[in-house]
C-alpha atoms as a PDB file:
ATOM      1  CA  MET A   1       3.840 -10.277  -6.669  1.00  0.00           C
ATOM      2  CA  ARG A   2       4.726  -6.951  -5.206  1.00  0.00           C
ATOM      3  CA  LEU A   3       4.701  -3.987  -7.560  1.00  0.00           C
ATOM      4  CA  ALA A   4       5.664  -0.438  -6.660  1.00  0.00           C
ATOM      5  CA  ALA A   5       3.009   2.238  -6.672  1.00  0.00           C
ATOM      6  CA  THR A   6       4.192   3.442 -10.053  1.00  0.00           C
ATOM      7  CA  PHE A   7       2.288   0.497 -11.488  1.00  0.00           C
ATOM      8  CA  VAL A   8      -0.603   2.941 -11.765  1.00  0.00           C
ATOM      9  CA  PHE A   9       0.985   4.276 -14.892  1.00  0.00           C
ATOM     10  CA  ALA A  10       0.516   0.886 -16.460  1.00  0.00           C
ATOM     11  CA  LEU A  11      -3.050   2.010 -16.931  1.00  0.00           C
ATOM     12  CA  SER A  12      -2.559   5.693 -17.383  1.00  0.00           C
ATOM     13  CA  CYS A  13       0.606   6.605 -19.242  1.00  0.00           C
ATOM     14  CA  ALA A  14       2.661   6.200 -22.388  1.00  0.00           C
ATOM     15  CA  ALA A  15       5.310   8.375 -23.979  1.00  0.00           C
ATOM     16  CA  ILE A  16       6.987   8.516 -27.360  1.00  0.00           C
ATOM     17  CA  TYR A  17       5.120   6.449 -29.903  1.00  0.00           C
ATOM     18  CA  ALA A  18       6.935   4.020 -32.170  1.00  0.00           C
ATOM     19  CA  ALA A  19       7.188   5.259 -35.727  1.00  0.00           C
ATOM     20  CA  GLY A  20       3.886   4.919 -37.540  1.00  0.00           C
ATOM     21  CA  ALA A  21       2.021   3.682 -34.471  1.00  0.00           C
ATOM     22  CA  ALA A  22       0.694   6.955 -33.096  1.00  0.00           C
ATOM     23  CA  SER A  23      -2.047   7.471 -35.644  1.00  0.00           C
ATOM     24  CA  ASP A  24      -3.322   3.929 -35.098  1.00  0.00           C
ATOM     25  CA  LEU A  25      -3.261   4.065 -31.306  1.00  0.00           C
ATOM     26  CA  ASP A  26      -4.364   7.644 -30.659  1.00  0.00           C
ATOM     27  CA  PRO A  27      -8.117   7.009 -31.019  1.00  0.00           C
ATOM     28  CA  THR A  28      -8.014   4.135 -28.505  1.00  0.00           C
ATOM     29  CA  LEU A  29      -5.821   6.041 -26.054  1.00  0.00           C
ATOM     30  CA  HIS A  30      -8.042   9.110 -26.218  1.00  0.00           C
ATOM     31  CA  ALA A  31     -11.109   6.925 -25.757  1.00  0.00           C
ATOM     32  CA  ILE A  32      -9.624   5.368 -22.594  1.00  0.00           C
ATOM     33  CA  GLU A  33      -8.736   8.792 -21.185  1.00  0.00           C
ATOM     34  CA  ASN A  34     -12.180  10.173 -21.958  1.00  0.00           C
ATOM     35  CA  ARG A  35     -13.989   7.160 -20.482  1.00  0.00           C
ATOM     36  CA  TYR A  36     -12.247   7.047 -17.108  1.00  0.00           C
ATOM     37  CA  ASN A  37     -11.363  10.712 -16.587  1.00  0.00           C
ATOM     38  CA  HIS A  38     -15.055  11.606 -16.659  1.00  0.00           C
ATOM     39  CA  ALA A  39     -16.179   8.839 -14.302  1.00  0.00           C
ATOM     40  CA  GLN A  40     -16.643   9.476 -10.581  1.00  0.00           C
ATOM     41  CA  SER A  41     -17.015   5.837  -9.559  1.00  0.00           C
ATOM     42  CA  LEU A  42     -16.661   2.357 -11.003  1.00  0.00           C
ATOM     43  CA  LYS A  43     -17.862  -1.154 -10.210  1.00  0.00           C
ATOM     44  CA  LEU A  44     -16.745  -4.312 -11.990  1.00  0.00           C
ATOM     45  CA  ASP A  45     -16.106  -8.010 -11.570  1.00  0.00           C
ATOM     46  CA  PHE A  46     -12.477  -9.104 -11.603  1.00  0.00           C
ATOM     47  CA  SER A  47     -10.256 -12.135 -11.662  1.00  0.00           C
ATOM     48  CA  GLU A  48      -6.524 -11.955 -11.041  1.00  0.00           C
ATOM     49  CA  SER A  49      -3.922 -14.555 -11.923  1.00  0.00           C
ATOM     50  CA  PHE A  50      -0.253 -14.788 -10.991  1.00  0.00           C
ATOM     51  CA  LEU A  51       2.051 -17.005 -13.034  1.00  0.00           C
ATOM     52  CA  ALA A  52       5.675 -17.700 -12.152  1.00  0.00           C
ATOM     53  CA  SER A  53       8.146 -20.303 -13.334  1.00  0.00           C
ATOM     54  CA  ARG A  54       7.812 -23.694 -11.621  1.00  0.00           C
ATOM     55  CA  ARG A  55       4.855 -22.534  -9.551  1.00  0.00           C
ATOM     56  CA  PRO A  56       1.161 -23.301 -10.020  1.00  0.00           C
ATOM     57  CA  THR A  57      -0.980 -20.447 -11.290  1.00  0.00           C
ATOM     58  CA  GLN A  58      -2.697 -18.583  -8.459  1.00  0.00           C
ATOM     59  CA  THR A  59      -6.169 -17.237  -9.285  1.00  0.00           C
ATOM     60  CA  GLU A  60      -8.555 -15.126  -7.190  1.00  0.00           C
ATOM     61  CA  SER A  61     -11.765 -13.256  -8.045  1.00  0.00           C
ATOM     62  CA  GLY A  62     -14.447 -10.942  -6.742  1.00  0.00           C
ATOM     63  CA  VAL A  63     -15.943  -7.457  -7.139  1.00  0.00           C
ATOM     64  CA  LEU A  64     -13.978  -4.205  -7.351  1.00  0.00           C
ATOM     65  CA  TYR A  65     -15.378  -0.788  -6.390  1.00  0.00           C
ATOM     66  CA  LEU A  66     -13.552   2.488  -7.080  1.00  0.00           C
ATOM     67  CA  ARG A  67     -14.501   6.029  -6.181  1.00  0.00           C
ATOM     68  CA  LYS A  68     -12.701   9.317  -6.637  1.00  0.00           C
ATOM     69  CA  PRO A  69     -10.399  10.315  -5.107  1.00  0.00           C
ATOM     70  CA  GLY A  70      -8.193   7.258  -4.522  1.00  0.00           C
ATOM     71  CA  ARG A  71     -10.714   4.965  -2.862  1.00  0.00           C
ATOM     72  CA  MET A  72     -11.165   1.310  -3.700  1.00  0.00           C
ATOM     73  CA  ARG A  73     -12.557  -1.915  -2.306  1.00  0.00           C
ATOM     74  CA  TRP A  74     -11.610  -5.381  -3.556  1.00  0.00           C
ATOM     75  CA  GLU A  75     -14.298  -7.714  -2.202  1.00  0.00           C
ATOM     76  CA  TYR A  76     -13.276 -11.323  -2.813  1.00  0.00           C
ATOM     77  CA  THR A  77     -15.596 -14.229  -3.427  1.00  0.00           C
ATOM     78  CA  SER A  78     -12.600 -16.529  -3.953  1.00  0.00           C
ATOM     79  CA  PRO A  79     -11.138 -16.736  -1.384  1.00  0.00           C
ATOM     80  CA  ALA A  80     -14.356 -15.800   0.387  1.00  0.00           C
ATOM     81  CA  GLY A  81     -14.144 -12.977   2.918  1.00  0.00           C
ATOM     82  CA  LYS A  82     -10.808 -11.530   1.809  1.00  0.00           C
ATOM     83  CA  ILE A  83     -10.821  -7.718   1.506  1.00  0.00           C
ATOM     84  CA  PHE A  84      -8.340  -5.194   0.190  1.00  0.00           C
ATOM     85  CA  LEU A  85      -9.418  -1.609   0.809  1.00  0.00           C
ATOM     86  CA  ALA A  86      -7.994   1.860   0.220  1.00  0.00           C
ATOM     87  CA  ASP A  87      -9.671   4.845   1.859  1.00  0.00           C
ATOM     88  CA  GLY A  88      -7.677   7.487  -0.025  1.00  0.00           C
ATOM     89  CA  LYS A  89      -4.964   7.609   2.629  1.00  0.00           C
ATOM     90  CA  ASP A  90      -4.224   4.062   3.809  1.00  0.00           C
ATOM     91  CA  THR A  91      -4.663   0.513   2.551  1.00  0.00           C
ATOM     92  CA  PHE A  92      -5.993  -2.438   4.539  1.00  0.00           C
ATOM     93  CA  LEU A  93      -5.600  -6.111   3.674  1.00  0.00           C
ATOM     94  CA  TYR A  94      -7.781  -8.551   5.593  1.00  0.00           C
ATOM     95  CA  THR A  95      -7.361 -12.313   5.182  1.00  0.00           C
ATOM     96  CA  PRO A  96      -9.898 -14.416   7.120  1.00  0.00           C
ATOM     97  CA  ASP A  97      -7.668 -17.488   7.315  1.00  0.00           C
ATOM     98  CA  ASP A  98      -5.002 -15.466   9.145  1.00  0.00           C
ATOM     99  CA  HIS A  99      -7.612 -13.553  11.174  1.00  0.00           C
ATOM    100  CA  ARG A 100      -5.508 -10.432  10.824  1.00  0.00           C
ATOM    101  CA  ALA A 101      -5.450  -7.137   8.937  1.00  0.00           C
ATOM    102  CA  GLU A 102      -2.441  -5.209   7.691  1.00  0.00           C
ATOM    103  CA  LYS A 103      -2.406  -1.419   7.287  1.00  0.00           C
ATOM    104  CA  ALA A 104      -0.027   0.603   5.101  1.00  0.00           C
ATOM    105  CA  PRO A 105       0.049   4.168   3.704  1.00  0.00           C
ATOM    106  CA  LEU A 106      -1.451   4.171   0.213  1.00  0.00           C
ATOM    107  CA  LYS A 107       1.491   6.048  -1.294  1.00  0.00           C
ATOM    108  CA  LEU A 108       3.992   3.598   0.182  1.00  0.00           C
ATOM    109  CA  SER A 109       2.043   0.390  -0.315  1.00  0.00           C
ATOM    110  CA  GLU A 110       3.879  -2.220  -2.365  1.00  0.00           C
ATOM    111  CA  ASP A 111       0.704  -4.225  -2.905  1.00  0.00           C
ATOM    112  CA  ASP A 112       0.010  -4.666  -6.604  1.00  0.00           C
ATOM    113  CA  ARG A 113      -3.648  -3.626  -6.172  1.00  0.00           C
ATOM    114  CA  ALA A 114      -3.010  -0.242  -4.580  1.00  0.00           C
ATOM    115  CA  PRO A 115      -2.088   1.781  -7.692  1.00  0.00           C
ATOM    116  CA  LEU A 116      -5.321   0.831  -9.442  1.00  0.00           C
ATOM    117  CA  ALA A 117      -7.054   3.286  -7.110  1.00  0.00           C
ATOM    118  CA  PHE A 118      -5.802   5.969  -9.454  1.00  0.00           C
ATOM    119  CA  LEU A 119      -7.574   4.543 -12.488  1.00  0.00           C
ATOM    120  CA  LEU A 120     -10.240   7.157 -11.757  1.00  0.00           C
ATOM    121  CA  GLY A 121      -7.656   9.890 -11.733  1.00  0.00           C
ATOM    122  CA  LYS A 122      -6.183  11.984 -14.521  1.00  0.00           C
ATOM    123  CA  LEU A 123      -5.134   9.519 -17.206  1.00  0.00           C
ATOM    124  CA  ASP A 124      -2.356  10.812 -19.477  1.00  0.00           C
ATOM    125  CA  PHE A 125      -0.842   8.610 -22.165  1.00  0.00           C
ATOM    126  CA  HIS A 126       2.198  10.792 -22.813  1.00  0.00           C
ATOM    127  CA  LYS A 127       4.294  10.541 -19.700  1.00  0.00           C
ATOM    128  CA  ASP A 128       6.187   7.465 -18.486  1.00  0.00           C
ATOM    129  CA  PHE A 129       6.527   4.952 -21.307  1.00  0.00           C
ATOM    130  CA  GLN A 130       9.090   5.250 -24.033  1.00  0.00           C
ATOM    131  CA  SER A 131       7.419   3.078 -26.656  1.00  0.00           C
ATOM    132  CA  PHE A 132       4.591   0.689 -27.267  1.00  0.00           C
ATOM    133  CA  GLU A 133       3.050  -1.493 -29.919  1.00  0.00           C
ATOM    134  CA  SER A 134      -0.428  -2.839 -30.560  1.00  0.00           C
ATOM    135  CA  HIS A 135      -2.297  -5.576 -32.359  1.00  0.00           C
ATOM    136  CA  ASN A 136      -5.977  -6.295 -32.868  1.00  0.00           C
ATOM    137  CA  GLU A 137      -7.877  -9.113 -31.216  1.00  0.00           C
ATOM    138  CA  ASN A 138     -11.466  -9.580 -32.362  1.00  0.00           C
ATOM    139  CA  GLY A 139     -11.898  -5.860 -32.900  1.00  0.00           C
ATOM    140  CA  ASP A 140     -10.226  -4.815 -29.621  1.00  0.00           C
ATOM    141  CA  SER A 141      -6.647  -3.565 -29.187  1.00  0.00           C
ATOM    142  CA  TRP A 142      -3.858  -5.188 -27.208  1.00  0.00           C
ATOM    143  CA  ILE A 143      -1.429  -2.377 -26.343  1.00  0.00           C
ATOM    144  CA  SER A 144       2.030  -3.294 -25.096  1.00  0.00           C
ATOM    145  CA  ALA A 145       3.889  -0.503 -23.279  1.00  0.00           C
ATOM    146  CA  HIS A 146       7.559  -0.313 -22.307  1.00  0.00           C
ATOM    147  CA  PRO A 147       8.555   2.050 -19.475  1.00  0.00           C
ATOM    148  CA  LYS A 148      11.288   4.668 -19.721  1.00  0.00           C
ATOM    149  CA  SER A 149      12.895   3.680 -16.447  1.00  0.00           C
ATOM    150  CA  GLN A 150      14.874   0.461 -16.127  1.00  0.00           C
ATOM    151  CA  ASN A 151      14.600   0.605 -12.335  1.00  0.00           C
ATOM    152  CA  LEU A 152      11.047  -0.616 -12.028  1.00  0.00           C
ATOM    153  CA  PRO A 153       9.840  -4.066 -10.907  1.00  0.00           C
ATOM    154  CA  TYR A 154       8.217  -4.610 -14.318  1.00  0.00           C
ATOM    155  CA  ASN A 155       9.506  -4.295 -17.886  1.00  0.00           C
ATOM    156  CA  GLN A 156       6.294  -4.538 -19.882  1.00  0.00           C
ATOM    157  CA  VAL A 157       2.639  -3.724 -19.436  1.00  0.00           C
ATOM    158  CA  GLU A 158      -0.121  -4.875 -21.774  1.00  0.00           C
ATOM    159  CA  PHE A 159      -3.769  -3.947 -21.708  1.00  0.00           C
ATOM    160  CA  LEU A 160      -6.739  -4.972 -23.816  1.00  0.00           C
ATOM    161  CA  ALA A 161      -9.185  -2.178 -24.630  1.00  0.00           C
ATOM    162  CA  THR A 162     -12.268  -1.791 -26.778  1.00  0.00           C
ATOM    163  CA  PRO A 163     -12.580   0.959 -29.421  1.00  0.00           C
ATOM    164  CA  ASP A 164     -14.711   2.990 -26.983  1.00  0.00           C
ATOM    165  CA  GLY A 165     -11.962   2.827 -24.334  1.00  0.00           C
ATOM    166  CA  GLN A 166     -13.174   0.119 -21.964  1.00  0.00           C
ATOM    167  CA  ILE A 167     -10.305  -1.864 -20.406  1.00  0.00           C
ATOM    168  CA  HIS A 168     -10.930  -5.620 -20.291  1.00  0.00           C
ATOM    169  CA  LYS A 169      -7.508  -6.934 -19.272  1.00  0.00           C
ATOM    170  CA  ILE A 170      -4.198  -5.765 -17.820  1.00  0.00           C
ATOM    171  CA  ARG A 171      -1.105  -7.952 -17.949  1.00  0.00           C
ATOM    172  CA  VAL A 172       2.211  -7.057 -16.266  1.00  0.00           C
ATOM    173  CA  THR A 173       5.515  -8.805 -16.939  1.00  0.00           C
ATOM    174  CA  ASN A 174       7.932  -8.400 -14.038  1.00  0.00           C
ATOM    175  CA  GLN A 175      11.702  -8.259 -14.267  1.00  0.00           C
ATOM    176  CA  ASP A 176      11.859 -11.891 -13.156  1.00  0.00           C
ATOM    177  CA  GLN A 177       9.451 -12.769 -16.019  1.00  0.00           C
ATOM    178  CA  SER A 178       6.590 -13.618 -13.671  1.00  0.00           C
ATOM    179  CA  LYS A 179       3.234 -12.366 -14.959  1.00  0.00           C
ATOM    180  CA  LEU A 180       0.261 -10.790 -13.235  1.00  0.00           C
ATOM    181  CA  GLU A 181      -3.017 -10.529 -15.137  1.00  0.00           C
ATOM    182  CA  TYR A 182      -6.321  -8.874 -14.277  1.00  0.00           C
ATOM    183  CA  THR A 183      -9.501  -9.579 -16.237  1.00  0.00           C
ATOM    184  CA  PHE A 184     -12.432  -7.181 -15.813  1.00  0.00           C
ATOM    185  CA  SER A 185     -16.105  -7.670 -16.727  1.00  0.00           C
ATOM    186  CA  ASN A 186     -19.568  -6.217 -16.047  1.00  0.00           C
ATOM    187  CA  GLU A 187     -18.181  -2.698 -15.767  1.00  0.00           C
ATOM    188  CA  GLN A 188     -20.551  -0.062 -14.384  1.00  0.00           C
ATOM    189  CA  LEU A 189     -19.422   3.550 -14.764  1.00  0.00           C
ATOM    190  CA  ASN A 190     -20.645   5.966 -12.082  1.00  0.00           C
ATOM    191  CA  ALA A 191     -22.046   3.093 -10.047  1.00  0.00           C
ATOM    192  CA  VAL A 192     -23.690   3.976  -6.736  1.00  0.00           C
ATOM    193  CA  THR A 193     -20.983   3.723  -4.063  1.00  0.00           C
ATOM    194  CA  THR A 194     -21.442   5.214  -0.599  1.00  0.00           C
ATOM    195  CA  PRO A 195     -18.493   6.584   1.435  1.00  0.00           C
ATOM    196  CA  ASP A 196     -19.097   3.899   4.072  1.00  0.00           C
ATOM    197  CA  LEU A 197     -18.099   1.244   1.546  1.00  0.00           C
ATOM    198  CA  PHE A 198     -14.502   2.498   1.777  1.00  0.00           C
ATOM    199  CA  ILE A 199     -14.197   2.500   5.560  1.00  0.00           C
ATOM    200  CA  PHE A 200     -12.438  -0.560   6.948  1.00  0.00           C
ATOM    201  CA  ARG A 201     -14.216  -2.124   9.885  1.00  0.00           C
ATOM    202  CA  PRO A 202     -12.299  -5.151  11.169  1.00  0.00           C
ATOM    203  CA  PRO A 203     -14.283  -8.163  12.357  1.00  0.00           C
ATOM    204  CA  ALA A 204     -14.451  -8.703  16.096  1.00  0.00           C
ATOM    205  CA  GLY A 205     -11.117  -9.784  17.539  1.00  0.00           C
ATOM    206  CA  VAL A 206      -9.051  -8.828  14.508  1.00  0.00           C
ATOM    207  CA  VAL A 207      -6.012  -6.700  15.287  1.00  0.00           C
ATOM    208  CA  ILE A 208      -4.794  -4.177  12.702  1.00  0.00           C
ATOM    209  CA  GLU A 209      -1.015  -4.406  12.259  1.00  0.00           C
ATOM    210  CA  GLU A 210       1.126  -1.693  10.697  1.00  0.00           C
ATOM    211  CA  ALA A 211       3.072  -2.907   7.676  1.00  0.00           C
ATOM    212  CA  ALA A 212       6.856  -2.767   7.954  1.00  0.00           C
ATOM    213  CA  LYS A 213       8.324   0.298   6.269  1.00  0.00           C
END
């Protein structure tokens, strides 16, 4: 399930358009850039699913908060009590069942959630993907992007967006053909989020361990 930090560009980048596709995709891409580049914070409900060959699908859900610059809080309701937090510098993963927390630098974190902190950054759809295609689904657009580099842990990224630029789903296909999908709902742009929300305070008795580099 680990994805390198460059997974952020799954949300924010694309490069040379396939012939004839640019004119169709440009309005949606510009709408996405305009929607998230002008937001200072974001709150939404999420579910995430991981599917790999010969393994049962793993599904978790909760509430996601983001705040510029680079801060995020994944507050899980399933499994209850789990937290993944980024304070703009480091990430913290707390799992109640293990009664432990792991800390890693945000830029070096291999956790698949970390790069999404940059959703509220400077989105640019002309940078890291060499081609992409799209098809309509009930009025929304599924956009499939293929990265320039062959040395990434994934080989395809798909995202479902509305005409006004709201992202509902992100699906990543890894090199081993496993798939990671996020579904977002109840999005609130510029939601009230206090700085304290992005400070990790471990429960009593929990030791913070540095992740192996």
